Protein backbone atom coordinates (compact mmCIF):
# COMPACT_ATOMS: atom_id res chain seq x y z
CA MET A 1 -155.44 22.99 7.11
CA THR A 2 -153.08 23.33 4.16
CA LEU A 3 -152.76 20.82 1.38
CA GLN A 4 -149.29 19.76 2.45
CA SER A 5 -150.30 19.37 6.11
CA THR A 6 -153.26 17.21 5.02
CA CYS A 7 -150.85 14.97 3.14
CA PHE A 8 -148.47 14.89 6.14
CA LEU A 9 -151.30 13.91 8.46
CA TRP A 10 -152.41 11.11 6.12
CA LEU A 11 -148.82 9.86 5.83
CA LEU A 12 -148.35 9.88 9.62
CA ILE A 13 -151.58 7.93 10.13
CA VAL A 14 -150.53 5.36 7.52
CA ALA A 15 -147.09 5.02 9.13
CA ALA A 16 -148.51 4.61 12.63
CA TYR A 17 -151.12 2.11 11.49
CA ASP A 18 -148.62 0.04 9.49
CA PHE A 19 -146.02 0.02 12.28
CA ARG A 20 -148.66 -1.08 14.79
CA GLN A 21 -150.79 -3.50 12.73
CA ARG A 22 -148.44 -4.46 9.85
CA ARG A 23 -151.22 -3.64 7.40
CA VAL A 24 -152.78 -0.64 5.69
CA PRO A 25 -156.58 -0.84 5.58
CA ASN A 26 -158.49 -0.09 2.40
CA TRP A 27 -160.41 2.80 3.97
CA LEU A 28 -157.14 4.58 4.76
CA VAL A 29 -155.75 4.09 1.25
CA LEU A 30 -159.05 5.21 -0.27
CA ALA A 31 -159.17 8.30 1.95
CA GLY A 32 -155.69 9.28 0.80
CA ALA A 33 -156.53 8.71 -2.85
CA VAL A 34 -159.75 10.75 -2.62
CA LEU A 35 -157.93 13.59 -0.85
CA ALA A 36 -155.20 13.55 -3.49
CA LEU A 37 -157.76 13.65 -6.30
CA ALA A 38 -159.56 16.52 -4.58
CA ALA A 39 -156.26 18.39 -4.23
CA LEU A 40 -155.55 17.89 -7.91
CA ALA A 41 -159.05 19.08 -8.80
CA LEU A 42 -158.40 22.26 -6.80
CA GLY A 43 -155.12 23.03 -8.56
CA THR A 44 -152.00 21.01 -7.87
CA GLY A 45 -150.58 18.40 -5.56
CA PRO A 46 -148.43 19.29 -2.56
CA LEU A 47 -145.27 19.20 -4.67
CA GLY A 48 -146.76 21.14 -7.56
CA GLN A 49 -147.40 18.19 -9.89
CA ASP A 50 -150.17 18.20 -12.46
CA TRP A 51 -152.74 15.52 -13.34
CA THR A 52 -150.42 13.73 -15.77
CA ASP A 53 -147.56 13.45 -13.29
CA ALA A 54 -149.94 12.38 -10.50
CA LEU A 55 -151.62 9.68 -12.60
CA LEU A 56 -148.25 8.41 -13.84
CA GLY A 57 -147.09 8.28 -10.21
CA ALA A 58 -150.17 6.30 -9.21
CA VAL A 59 -149.77 3.82 -12.07
CA ALA A 60 -146.02 3.43 -11.46
CA GLY A 61 -146.42 3.05 -7.68
CA PHE A 62 -149.18 0.48 -7.98
CA GLY A 63 -147.79 -1.33 -11.02
CA PHE A 64 -144.21 -1.71 -9.85
CA LEU A 65 -145.10 -3.01 -6.39
CA LEU A 66 -147.78 -5.27 -7.83
CA VAL A 67 -144.96 -7.47 -9.15
CA PHE A 68 -143.72 -7.97 -5.57
CA TYR A 69 -147.25 -8.76 -4.42
CA VAL A 70 -147.65 -11.40 -7.14
CA PHE A 71 -144.55 -13.18 -5.80
CA LYS A 72 -145.91 -12.87 -2.23
CA LEU A 73 -143.08 -10.59 -1.16
CA MET A 74 -145.35 -7.71 -0.20
CA GLY A 75 -148.83 -7.16 1.12
CA ALA A 76 -151.68 -5.74 -0.93
CA GLY A 77 -151.97 -2.71 1.36
CA ASP A 78 -148.40 -1.69 0.53
CA VAL A 79 -149.19 -1.88 -3.19
CA LYS A 80 -152.41 0.12 -2.92
CA PHE A 81 -150.73 2.68 -0.67
CA ALA A 82 -147.94 3.18 -3.23
CA GLY A 83 -150.58 3.95 -5.84
CA ALA A 84 -152.29 6.52 -3.61
CA LEU A 85 -148.90 7.99 -2.67
CA GLY A 86 -148.10 8.38 -6.36
CA LEU A 87 -151.24 10.50 -6.72
CA TRP A 88 -150.01 12.78 -3.94
CA VAL A 89 -146.39 13.21 -5.02
CA GLY A 90 -146.28 12.36 -8.73
CA LEU A 91 -143.90 10.16 -10.67
CA TRP A 92 -140.68 12.12 -10.26
CA ALA A 93 -140.89 12.49 -6.49
CA LEU A 94 -141.98 8.86 -6.15
CA LEU A 95 -138.66 7.56 -7.46
CA PRO A 96 -136.45 8.97 -4.65
CA ILE A 97 -139.16 8.13 -2.12
CA TRP A 98 -138.92 4.48 -3.24
CA VAL A 99 -135.16 4.56 -2.78
CA ILE A 100 -135.34 6.14 0.68
CA GLY A 101 -138.22 3.88 1.81
CA SER A 102 -136.46 0.77 0.51
CA LEU A 103 -133.25 1.69 2.32
CA LEU A 104 -135.17 2.17 5.57
CA ALA A 105 -136.97 -1.16 5.07
CA GLY A 106 -133.63 -2.81 4.32
CA LEU A 107 -132.16 -1.45 7.55
CA HIS A 108 -135.20 -2.81 9.39
CA ALA A 109 -134.60 -6.27 7.90
CA VAL A 110 -130.88 -6.24 8.68
CA LEU A 111 -131.51 -5.15 12.27
CA TRP A 112 -134.16 -7.87 12.64
CA LEU A 113 -131.73 -10.51 11.33
CA ILE A 114 -129.00 -9.35 13.72
CA LEU A 115 -131.35 -9.35 16.70
CA GLN A 116 -132.58 -12.86 15.83
CA ARG A 117 -129.04 -14.13 16.43
CA TRP A 118 -128.71 -12.61 19.92
CA PRO A 119 -130.62 -14.46 22.63
CA PHE A 120 -130.93 -11.43 24.94
CA SER A 121 -132.70 -9.36 22.28
CA TYR A 122 -135.55 -11.75 21.51
CA ARG A 123 -138.32 -9.36 22.60
CA LEU A 124 -136.84 -6.55 20.52
CA SER A 125 -136.71 -8.79 17.45
CA LEU A 126 -140.36 -9.73 18.08
CA MET A 127 -141.22 -6.03 18.21
CA LEU A 128 -139.50 -5.48 14.85
CA SER A 129 -141.27 -8.48 13.36
CA GLY A 130 -144.68 -7.23 14.45
CA ARG A 131 -145.55 -10.59 16.00
CA PRO A 132 -146.92 -10.82 19.54
CA SER A 133 -144.65 -12.32 22.14
CA PRO A 134 -145.65 -15.69 23.61
CA SER A 135 -146.34 -13.99 26.96
CA ASP A 136 -149.05 -11.87 25.31
CA GLY A 137 -151.24 -14.95 25.07
CA GLU A 138 -151.67 -14.65 21.33
CA ILE A 139 -150.55 -17.29 18.91
CA PRO A 140 -149.09 -15.90 15.70
CA PRO A 141 -150.85 -17.12 12.57
CA SER A 142 -149.22 -20.00 10.77
CA THR A 143 -149.22 -18.11 7.48
CA ARG A 144 -146.17 -16.21 6.35
CA GLN A 145 -145.77 -13.00 8.36
CA ARG A 146 -144.83 -9.73 6.69
CA PHE A 147 -142.59 -8.23 9.30
CA ILE A 148 -141.40 -5.14 7.43
CA PRO A 149 -143.94 -2.30 7.45
CA TYR A 150 -143.02 -1.12 3.96
CA ALA A 151 -145.88 1.37 3.63
CA ALA A 152 -144.76 3.01 6.87
CA TYR A 153 -141.25 3.44 5.50
CA LEU A 154 -142.60 4.82 2.23
CA ALA A 155 -144.75 7.26 4.21
CA LEU A 156 -141.79 8.41 6.32
CA ALA A 157 -139.64 8.73 3.21
CA ALA A 158 -142.37 10.83 1.57
CA ILE A 159 -142.44 13.17 4.56
CA VAL A 160 -138.65 13.52 4.47
CA TRP A 161 -138.72 14.11 0.72
CA MET A 162 -141.49 16.70 0.95
CA VAL A 163 -139.70 18.65 3.71
CA TRP A 164 -136.32 18.39 2.01
CA GLY A 165 -137.70 19.34 -1.42
CA ARG A 166 -139.55 22.31 0.04
CA GLN A 167 -136.40 23.67 1.69
CA SER A 168 -134.21 23.16 -1.38
CA GLY A 169 -136.81 24.68 -3.74
């Protein structure tokens, strides 16, 4: 398995897990970080970054999103995932990935808001929110739900960026 396909596989697992559970578990973030560090120890990251760029990407990814976590606008898994993603792609690739991922998350939020207003699309809006429907027999927790799987959108944006960058390079 190549380095880039390992990263792709990790990103797909993160995206699937976050879309389904609306969380990114610590073991999955740690696995990605360890794989990224191993890749760096063997030479370079999948986009050709060095240790400096990778560590700057990790610090920027974690540090910037930590502000959103402090204000309870984002989950801790999203923040930790952004740090691990920064290790994989480096600082300079992380910037456009943030833009693409944020645009996708914004589209998710807009679609959810639109569907909330239409009575015939209630189940679809529940699917976008990640909450179980009342017919599922589960009662959603009373705490504030994070209905946008931001780590999933960052992961998908990273895949798009890696494929696009590879073709244009």
